[in-house]
Protein backbone atom coordinates (compact mmCIF):
# COMPACT_ATOMS: atom_id res chain seq x y z
CA MET A 1 131.75 70.62 65.93
CA ASN A 2 133.50 69.95 68.86
CA ARG A 3 132.79 70.66 72.54
CA SER A 4 134.49 74.64 71.84
CA GLN A 5 133.32 75.47 69.11
CA HIS A 6 130.25 74.76 70.49
CA LEU A 7 130.72 76.51 73.18
CA SER A 8 131.95 79.73 72.01
CA GLN A 9 130.32 82.85 70.65
CA PRO A 10 131.11 86.17 69.90
CA ARG A 11 131.95 88.59 72.65
CA LEU A 12 128.90 90.83 74.50
CA ILE A 13 128.48 93.65 73.87
CA VAL A 14 127.06 94.57 77.34
CA ILE A 15 130.71 92.79 79.46
CA ASP A 16 132.49 96.28 76.80
CA CYS A 17 130.17 98.85 77.86
CA ALA A 18 130.58 97.44 81.42
CA ARG A 19 134.27 98.28 81.03
CA VAL A 20 134.37 101.74 80.11
CA ILE A 21 131.65 102.15 82.34
CA ALA A 22 134.56 100.79 85.29
CA ILE A 23 137.39 102.59 82.89
CA LEU A 24 135.00 106.47 83.87
CA PHE A 25 133.74 106.00 87.17
CA MET A 26 137.66 104.09 87.75
CA ILE A 27 138.99 107.76 86.37
CA GLN A 28 135.95 109.89 88.24
CA GLY A 29 136.90 107.89 92.04
CA HIS A 30 140.70 108.52 91.61
CA ALA A 31 140.47 112.65 90.70
CA LEU A 32 138.59 112.89 93.01
CA ASP A 33 140.51 111.42 96.18
CA VAL A 34 143.30 113.49 94.38
CA LEU A 35 141.33 116.64 94.15
CA LEU A 36 139.41 117.44 96.29
CA ALA A 37 139.58 119.02 99.43
CA PRO A 38 138.75 117.03 103.07
CA GLY A 39 135.50 119.77 103.96
CA TYR A 40 133.39 117.77 100.53
CA ARG A 41 134.22 114.02 102.01
CA GLN A 42 130.69 113.40 104.04
CA GLY A 43 127.24 113.14 104.19
CA ALA A 44 125.25 110.52 103.30
CA ILE A 45 126.10 110.82 99.09
CA PHE A 46 129.84 110.68 100.17
CA GLU A 47 129.29 107.80 102.19
CA SER A 48 127.18 105.71 99.04
CA TRP A 49 129.95 106.91 96.39
CA LEU A 50 132.39 104.82 97.78
CA TYR A 51 130.13 102.10 98.43
CA LEU A 52 129.97 102.22 94.62
CA ARG A 53 133.76 103.02 94.62
CA GLY A 54 134.14 100.01 95.81
CA LEU A 55 132.78 98.64 93.12
CA THR A 56 134.99 99.80 90.68
CA ALA A 57 137.97 96.55 90.91
CA PRO A 58 135.83 93.73 91.78
CA MET A 59 133.89 95.00 88.46
CA PHE A 60 137.23 94.71 86.97
CA PHE A 61 138.10 91.85 88.10
CA THR A 62 134.93 89.79 87.41
CA LEU A 63 135.15 92.22 83.66
CA SER A 64 138.73 89.78 83.69
CA GLY A 65 137.29 87.24 84.59
CA ILE A 66 134.34 86.36 81.49
CA SER A 67 136.60 88.41 79.38
CA PHE A 68 138.52 85.55 79.99
CA THR A 69 136.88 82.18 79.96
CA LEU A 70 134.39 83.97 76.58
CA SER A 71 138.06 84.29 75.05
CA SER A 72 139.20 80.75 76.19
CA LEU A 73 136.32 78.90 75.43
CA LYS A 74 135.81 80.46 71.01
CA TYR A 75 139.99 79.84 70.62
CA TRP A 76 139.91 76.88 73.13
CA ASP A 77 141.81 74.19 71.10
CA PHE A 78 144.65 77.12 70.31
CA TYR A 79 144.76 77.98 74.44
CA THR A 80 146.13 73.94 75.21
CA ARG A 81 148.22 73.59 72.82
CA PRO A 82 151.92 74.88 72.50
CA THR A 83 150.44 77.74 69.91
CA SER A 84 151.76 81.94 69.18
CA LYS A 85 147.74 82.43 70.37
CA LEU A 86 149.08 81.07 73.28
CA PHE A 87 152.17 81.85 73.35
CA ARG A 88 150.58 86.19 72.82
CA ARG A 89 148.38 85.68 75.87
CA VAL A 90 150.67 84.18 78.22
CA ARG A 91 153.25 87.34 77.19
CA ARG A 92 150.18 90.17 77.60
CA PHE A 93 149.30 88.50 81.69
CA GLY A 94 152.96 88.18 82.55
CA PHE A 95 152.93 92.68 80.85
CA PHE A 96 150.23 92.80 83.10
CA VAL A 97 152.50 92.06 86.62
CA LEU A 98 156.06 93.50 84.82
CA LEU A 99 153.20 96.92 84.59
CA GLY A 100 152.14 97.10 87.82
CA TYR A 101 155.92 96.79 89.65
CA ALA A 102 157.10 99.34 86.91
CA MET A 103 154.40 102.01 87.90
CA HIS A 104 155.51 101.70 91.12
CA LEU A 105 159.24 102.14 90.72
CA PRO A 106 160.55 103.14 94.28
CA VAL A 107 163.81 105.27 92.32
CA LYS A 108 164.37 108.13 89.84
CA SER A 109 167.60 105.88 88.19
CA PHE A 110 168.64 101.76 88.11
CA HIS A 111 171.96 103.07 89.70
CA ASP A 112 169.50 104.20 92.93
CA PHE A 113 168.26 100.49 93.83
CA ARG A 114 171.42 100.59 96.08
CA TYR A 115 170.87 102.40 98.07
CA LEU A 116 167.01 101.87 98.76
CA ASP A 117 166.27 100.99 102.06
CA LEU A 118 163.08 97.83 103.69
CA ALA A 119 159.86 100.57 103.35
CA GLY A 120 161.50 101.61 99.58
CA TRP A 121 161.64 97.64 99.06
CA GLN A 122 158.88 96.91 100.70
CA GLY A 123 156.92 99.79 98.75
CA TRP A 124 157.74 98.86 94.71
CA LEU A 125 157.34 95.27 95.58
CA GLN A 126 153.01 95.52 97.47
CA VAL A 127 150.44 94.08 94.68
CA ASP A 128 148.63 95.68 93.09
CA VAL A 129 145.81 95.70 90.73
CA LEU A 130 147.85 94.26 87.27
CA GLN A 131 150.23 92.09 89.36
CA CYS A 132 146.77 90.94 90.86
CA ILE A 133 144.78 90.00 87.57
CA GLY A 134 148.30 89.49 85.71
CA ILE A 135 149.63 87.09 88.36
CA THR A 136 145.34 84.66 88.18
CA LEU A 137 145.43 84.89 84.43
CA LEU A 138 148.67 82.77 84.40
CA PHE A 139 146.93 80.49 86.81
CA LEU A 140 143.80 80.22 85.17
CA GLN A 141 145.74 79.92 81.98
CA MET A 142 147.31 77.31 83.95
CA LEU A 143 143.65 75.30 84.59
CA VAL A 144 143.25 76.12 81.34
CA TRP A 145 145.93 72.82 80.52
CA VAL A 146 145.17 70.97 83.39
CA ALA A 147 141.11 71.18 82.66
CA GLY A 148 141.70 69.51 79.28
CA ASN A 149 137.45 70.20 78.75
CA PRO A 150 136.12 73.79 79.22
CA GLU A 151 133.80 72.30 82.20
CA ARG A 152 136.06 71.26 84.58
CA PHE A 153 138.35 73.73 83.97
CA ALA A 154 134.80 76.35 85.06
CA LYS A 155 134.79 73.64 87.33
CA LEU A 156 138.21 74.48 88.94
CA ALA A 157 137.57 78.59 89.15
CA ALA A 158 135.51 78.49 90.61
CA GLY A 159 136.10 75.32 93.46
CA ALA A 160 140.15 77.31 93.65
CA GLY A 161 138.00 81.30 94.35
CA ALA A 162 135.97 79.74 96.79
CA LEU A 163 139.63 79.28 97.72
CA MET A 164 140.42 81.90 98.67
CA VAL A 165 138.46 84.20 99.68
CA LEU A 166 137.58 81.55 102.33
CA LEU A 167 141.08 81.27 102.99
CA ALA A 168 141.31 85.69 102.63
CA PRO A 169 141.74 86.12 106.76
CA ILE A 170 143.74 83.04 107.45
CA SER A 171 145.75 84.54 104.64
CA TRP A 172 146.47 88.21 106.38
CA GLY A 173 146.45 86.24 109.99
CA ALA A 174 149.44 84.36 108.58
CA PRO A 175 153.14 86.06 109.66
CA TRP A 176 154.14 85.33 105.65
CA THR A 177 157.84 87.26 106.16
CA LYS A 178 159.31 85.29 107.91
CA PHE A 179 158.88 82.62 105.87
CA LEU A 180 159.34 83.40 102.39
CA PRO A 181 160.93 86.70 100.61
CA LEU A 182 158.92 89.75 100.56
CA SER A 183 158.16 90.07 96.64
CA ALA A 184 155.88 86.37 97.78
CA ALA A 185 155.09 87.72 101.00
CA SER A 186 153.73 90.75 99.21
CA TYR A 187 150.56 88.40 97.14
CA LEU A 188 149.76 86.91 99.71
CA ALA A 189 148.48 89.81 102.17
CA ALA A 190 147.82 93.37 102.73
CA GLN A 191 150.73 93.00 106.00
CA THR A 192 153.37 94.42 104.57
CA GLY A 193 150.97 97.26 102.06
CA SER A 194 149.89 95.17 99.47
CA LEU A 195 146.32 97.04 97.98
CA PHE A 196 145.35 94.25 95.67
CA PRO A 197 147.24 90.35 97.34
CA LEU A 198 145.84 87.54 96.23
CA PHE A 199 143.50 87.00 99.44
CA PRO A 200 140.96 87.58 98.79
CA TRP A 201 140.71 89.28 95.31
CA SER A 202 142.17 86.96 92.32
CA GLY A 203 138.33 85.37 93.60
CA TYR A 204 137.00 88.41 91.79
CA VAL A 205 138.49 87.55 88.78
CA LEU A 206 137.74 83.79 89.09
CA PHE A 207 134.36 84.04 90.48
CA GLY A 208 133.72 85.45 86.56
CA SER A 209 136.26 83.66 84.63
CA ALA A 210 132.91 80.60 85.82
CA LEU A 211 130.92 82.87 84.89
CA GLY A 212 131.77 83.02 81.63
CA TYR A 213 131.40 79.22 80.79
CA VAL A 214 128.21 79.24 82.74
CA ILE A 215 126.68 82.57 81.67
CA VAL A 216 127.55 80.56 77.69
CA ARG A 217 126.72 76.98 78.54
CA ARG A 218 122.91 78.24 79.84
CA ASN A 219 122.44 80.56 77.01
CA TRP A 220 122.30 83.28 79.20
CA GLY A 221 124.07 85.77 77.01
CA VAL A 222 122.95 85.56 73.67
CA GLY A 223 123.41 89.34 72.13
CA HIS A 224 123.04 90.50 76.65
CA LEU A 225 122.65 88.86 79.55
CA ALA A 226 119.93 87.13 81.22
CA PRO A 227 118.21 89.13 83.24
CA LYS A 228 116.17 87.04 86.17
CA PRO A 229 119.08 84.17 86.92
CA LEU A 230 121.54 86.70 87.15
CA ILE A 231 119.36 88.80 88.94
CA ALA A 232 118.11 86.46 91.04
CA ALA A 233 122.01 85.33 91.73
CA GLY A 234 122.68 88.53 92.02
CA ALA A 235 119.78 89.33 94.55
CA ALA A 236 120.76 86.27 96.74
CA MET A 237 124.35 87.25 97.16
CA ILE A 238 123.59 89.59 98.91
CA LEU A 239 120.87 88.68 101.28
CA ALA A 240 124.39 86.69 101.53
CA GLY A 241 126.28 89.08 101.95
CA ILE A 242 123.90 90.98 105.14
CA PHE A 243 122.82 87.55 106.60
CA VAL A 244 127.58 86.91 107.00
CA ALA A 245 127.39 90.77 108.45
CA ILE A 246 124.77 90.62 111.15
CA VAL A 247 124.82 87.05 113.01
CA PRO A 248 126.94 86.92 115.03
CA LEU A 249 129.18 84.12 114.34
CA ARG A 250 133.18 84.87 114.24
CA PRO A 251 134.62 81.57 113.23
CA TYR A 252 137.48 83.56 111.77
CA GLY A 253 137.96 85.67 115.56
CA ASN A 254 138.30 89.48 115.00
CA ILE A 255 138.14 90.91 111.49
CA PHE A 256 137.53 94.35 109.72
CA PHE A 257 134.44 93.05 107.78
CA TRP A 258 134.81 95.94 105.14
CA THR A 259 138.56 94.20 103.76
CA ILE A 260 139.10 90.22 103.80
CA SER A 261 135.35 88.88 105.48
CA PRO A 262 133.40 86.09 102.69
CA GLY A 263 130.33 88.43 103.50
CA VAL A 264 131.35 91.36 101.50
CA PHE A 265 132.88 89.75 98.54
CA LEU A 266 128.97 88.82 99.41
CA LEU A 267 128.21 92.07 99.14
CA LYS A 268 130.16 93.46 95.90
CA GLY A 269 130.19 89.82 93.67
CA GLY A 270 126.10 89.51 93.79
CA SER A 271 126.33 94.30 93.29
CA VAL A 272 128.54 93.70 90.15
CA LEU A 273 125.61 90.79 88.91
CA VAL A 274 122.66 93.54 89.50
CA LEU A 275 124.73 96.03 87.88
CA LEU A 276 125.79 93.64 85.31
CA THR A 277 122.40 92.90 84.19
CA LEU A 278 120.84 96.45 84.67
CA LEU A 279 123.02 96.81 82.44
CA SER A 280 122.01 94.38 79.88
CA LEU A 281 118.24 95.73 80.52
CA VAL A 282 119.13 99.30 79.39
CA LEU A 283 121.04 98.10 76.37
CA ARG A 284 117.73 96.44 74.81
CA GLY A 285 116.19 99.48 73.88
CA VAL A 286 119.34 101.69 73.04
CA ALA A 287 122.09 102.11 70.21
CA VAL A 288 124.73 102.22 71.36
CA PRO A 289 128.53 102.99 68.91
CA GLN A 290 129.46 98.82 69.15
CA LYS A 291 132.74 99.01 67.36
CA ALA A 292 133.99 102.50 69.36
CA ILE A 293 132.56 101.37 72.09
CA ARG A 294 135.10 98.25 72.39
CA SER A 295 137.43 100.30 70.81
CA ILE A 296 138.29 101.31 74.26
CA ALA A 297 136.99 98.54 75.86
CA GLN A 298 140.24 97.42 74.59
CA GLU A 299 142.18 99.70 75.79
CA SER A 300 141.80 100.14 79.59
CA LEU A 301 145.73 98.86 80.43
CA LEU A 302 146.44 102.01 78.46
CA ILE A 303 143.69 104.18 80.20
CA TYR A 304 144.89 102.75 83.68
CA PHE A 305 148.48 103.57 83.01
CA VAL A 306 148.33 106.89 82.02
CA HIS A 307 145.81 109.15 83.64
CA VAL A 308 146.97 106.83 86.92
CA CYS A 309 150.34 108.59 85.91
CA ILE A 310 148.87 111.91 85.08
CA LEU A 311 147.26 111.93 88.54
CA TYR A 312 149.77 110.46 91.22
CA GLY A 313 152.66 111.40 89.11
CA CYS A 314 155.36 108.80 88.78
CA ILE A 315 159.09 108.73 87.60
CA TRP A 316 159.30 110.68 84.54
CA HIS A 317 157.10 113.78 86.03
CA ASP A 318 154.85 114.59 89.05
CA GLY A 319 150.80 114.48 89.32
CA LEU A 320 148.24 116.80 89.54
CA ARG A 321 148.48 114.71 93.72
CA GLN A 322 151.39 116.26 94.06
CA MET A 323 150.60 119.85 91.84
CA ILE A 324 147.82 120.54 93.43
CA GLY A 325 146.91 118.10 95.85
CA ALA A 326 143.30 117.53 97.38
CA THR A 327 142.35 121.56 97.80
CA LEU A 328 139.86 122.41 95.25
CA PRO A 329 135.91 122.59 96.07
CA LEU A 330 133.63 120.02 94.17
CA LEU A 331 132.84 121.77 90.59
CA PRO A 332 136.78 122.33 89.63
CA THR A 333 137.35 118.76 90.55
CA LEU A 334 134.55 117.53 87.94
CA ALA A 335 135.45 119.76 86.41
CA TRP A 336 139.56 117.91 85.64
CA ILE A 337 137.23 114.62 85.96
CA GLY A 338 135.77 115.96 82.87
CA ALA A 339 138.33 116.86 80.85
CA LEU A 340 140.39 113.84 82.28
CA ALA A 341 137.71 111.33 81.40
CA LEU A 342 137.61 112.86 77.93
CA SER A 343 141.26 112.59 76.78
CA MET A 344 142.16 109.16 78.08
CA LEU A 345 138.79 108.18 76.06
CA ALA A 346 140.03 109.68 72.46
CA LEU A 347 143.25 108.70 73.59
CA ALA A 348 142.11 104.92 74.20
CA TRP A 349 140.41 104.85 70.45
CA THR A 350 143.19 106.83 68.06
CA TRP A 351 144.92 103.88 69.87
CA ASN A 352 143.02 101.15 68.72
CA TRP A 353 143.02 102.51 66.27
CA TYR A 354 146.59 102.99 64.59
CA LYS A 355 146.70 99.57 66.45
CA ARG A 356 144.46 98.01 64.00
CA ASN A 357 144.74 100.42 60.18
CA ASP A 358 148.82 101.21 60.84
CA PRO A 359 150.48 98.19 63.56
CA ARG A 360 153.67 99.09 62.27
CA THR A 361 154.06 102.45 63.70
CA SER A 362 151.73 101.89 66.82
CA LEU A 363 154.78 99.06 67.47
CA VAL A 364 157.09 101.05 66.80
CA ALA A 365 155.81 103.80 68.60
CA ARG A 366 155.32 101.11 72.21
CA ALA A 367 159.35 100.21 71.37
CA ALA A 368 160.10 104.39 71.18
CA VAL A 369 157.73 104.45 74.94
CA ILE A 370 159.92 101.55 76.20
CA ALA A 371 163.44 102.04 74.66
CA LEU A 372 163.06 105.59 76.63
CA ALA A 373 161.49 104.75 79.84
CA ILE A 374 164.97 102.24 79.95
CA ALA A 375 167.48 104.71 78.94
CA TYR A 376 165.58 107.04 81.92
CA GLY A 377 166.29 104.46 84.47
CA LEU A 378 170.25 104.12 82.77
CA THR A 379 170.56 108.18 83.25
């Protein structure tokens, strides 16, 4: 038995459950943002919700890193040399990036690109969740090749993650557009409108990737996550983040704490660890339909794409933001959230079932959607 086989282990159900919970929280967060009237967006409860909503992206990013490493350790030999499995992985990560740009297309037809102004190009080239995750996962795959063994890979991922977080205030202050094309500068800071530039957001993916190795190497995840070391690490990160927030030291000058300070990474990263630990403790006493949970977790990309199109609209149609907007009181908004969440879960389960049981039909359906999208853009 080689080292990679010794370190590999089955996928943890807590990771899949956490992904499903993050999916549901993402749906309700976006739906509230689109539909809830401004008069209901105030008070202590809403402020607490804002902090919890702010954990959705760090949770997704961290889980992506953990899942990458668990898969890499399980199939290490396949991912360190040219194989069909490696090709499929790289193709999938590249698709994340392309889909991210497709979702921000600023025109309804490819012919209209000739009339696009600077603001339009800037809006299209902004870096969102999918581009950030896709590029970071491609970088992690490069580290797999460079590292040669899992332990060195984890150290490189942790070091790279620390750099992305510590250098974020510097990167955000640099005039990248003077030296780089807009498409590249958008990955380095939020100056051009990017919502999730690599600095500091890729730090969560890299942190999760290193954490995935630690979970396996130290046997913290046999069926469930080991609560004591993880909650201790999470609490230590939270306390360190609070310390950074209150200590009057400003090595980066006057920066906004809740965007690019290393302290906010510590707060949110620690909160993610605590939430994962609590979820793991709950799952020890609760039987969950693991097959259904795993099926839904595997289709998080599909849910993200479809629910964003429904809520925010796309080049093919208007969304609820255009048709209804932030005009609804709380109860109707909750009703929309419930309907949207149930429909997305049903869609994910159904699509996953077809992928497993009727792959030819699912392949034809995907090809048809892509062909229609291209044909629409050419008209």
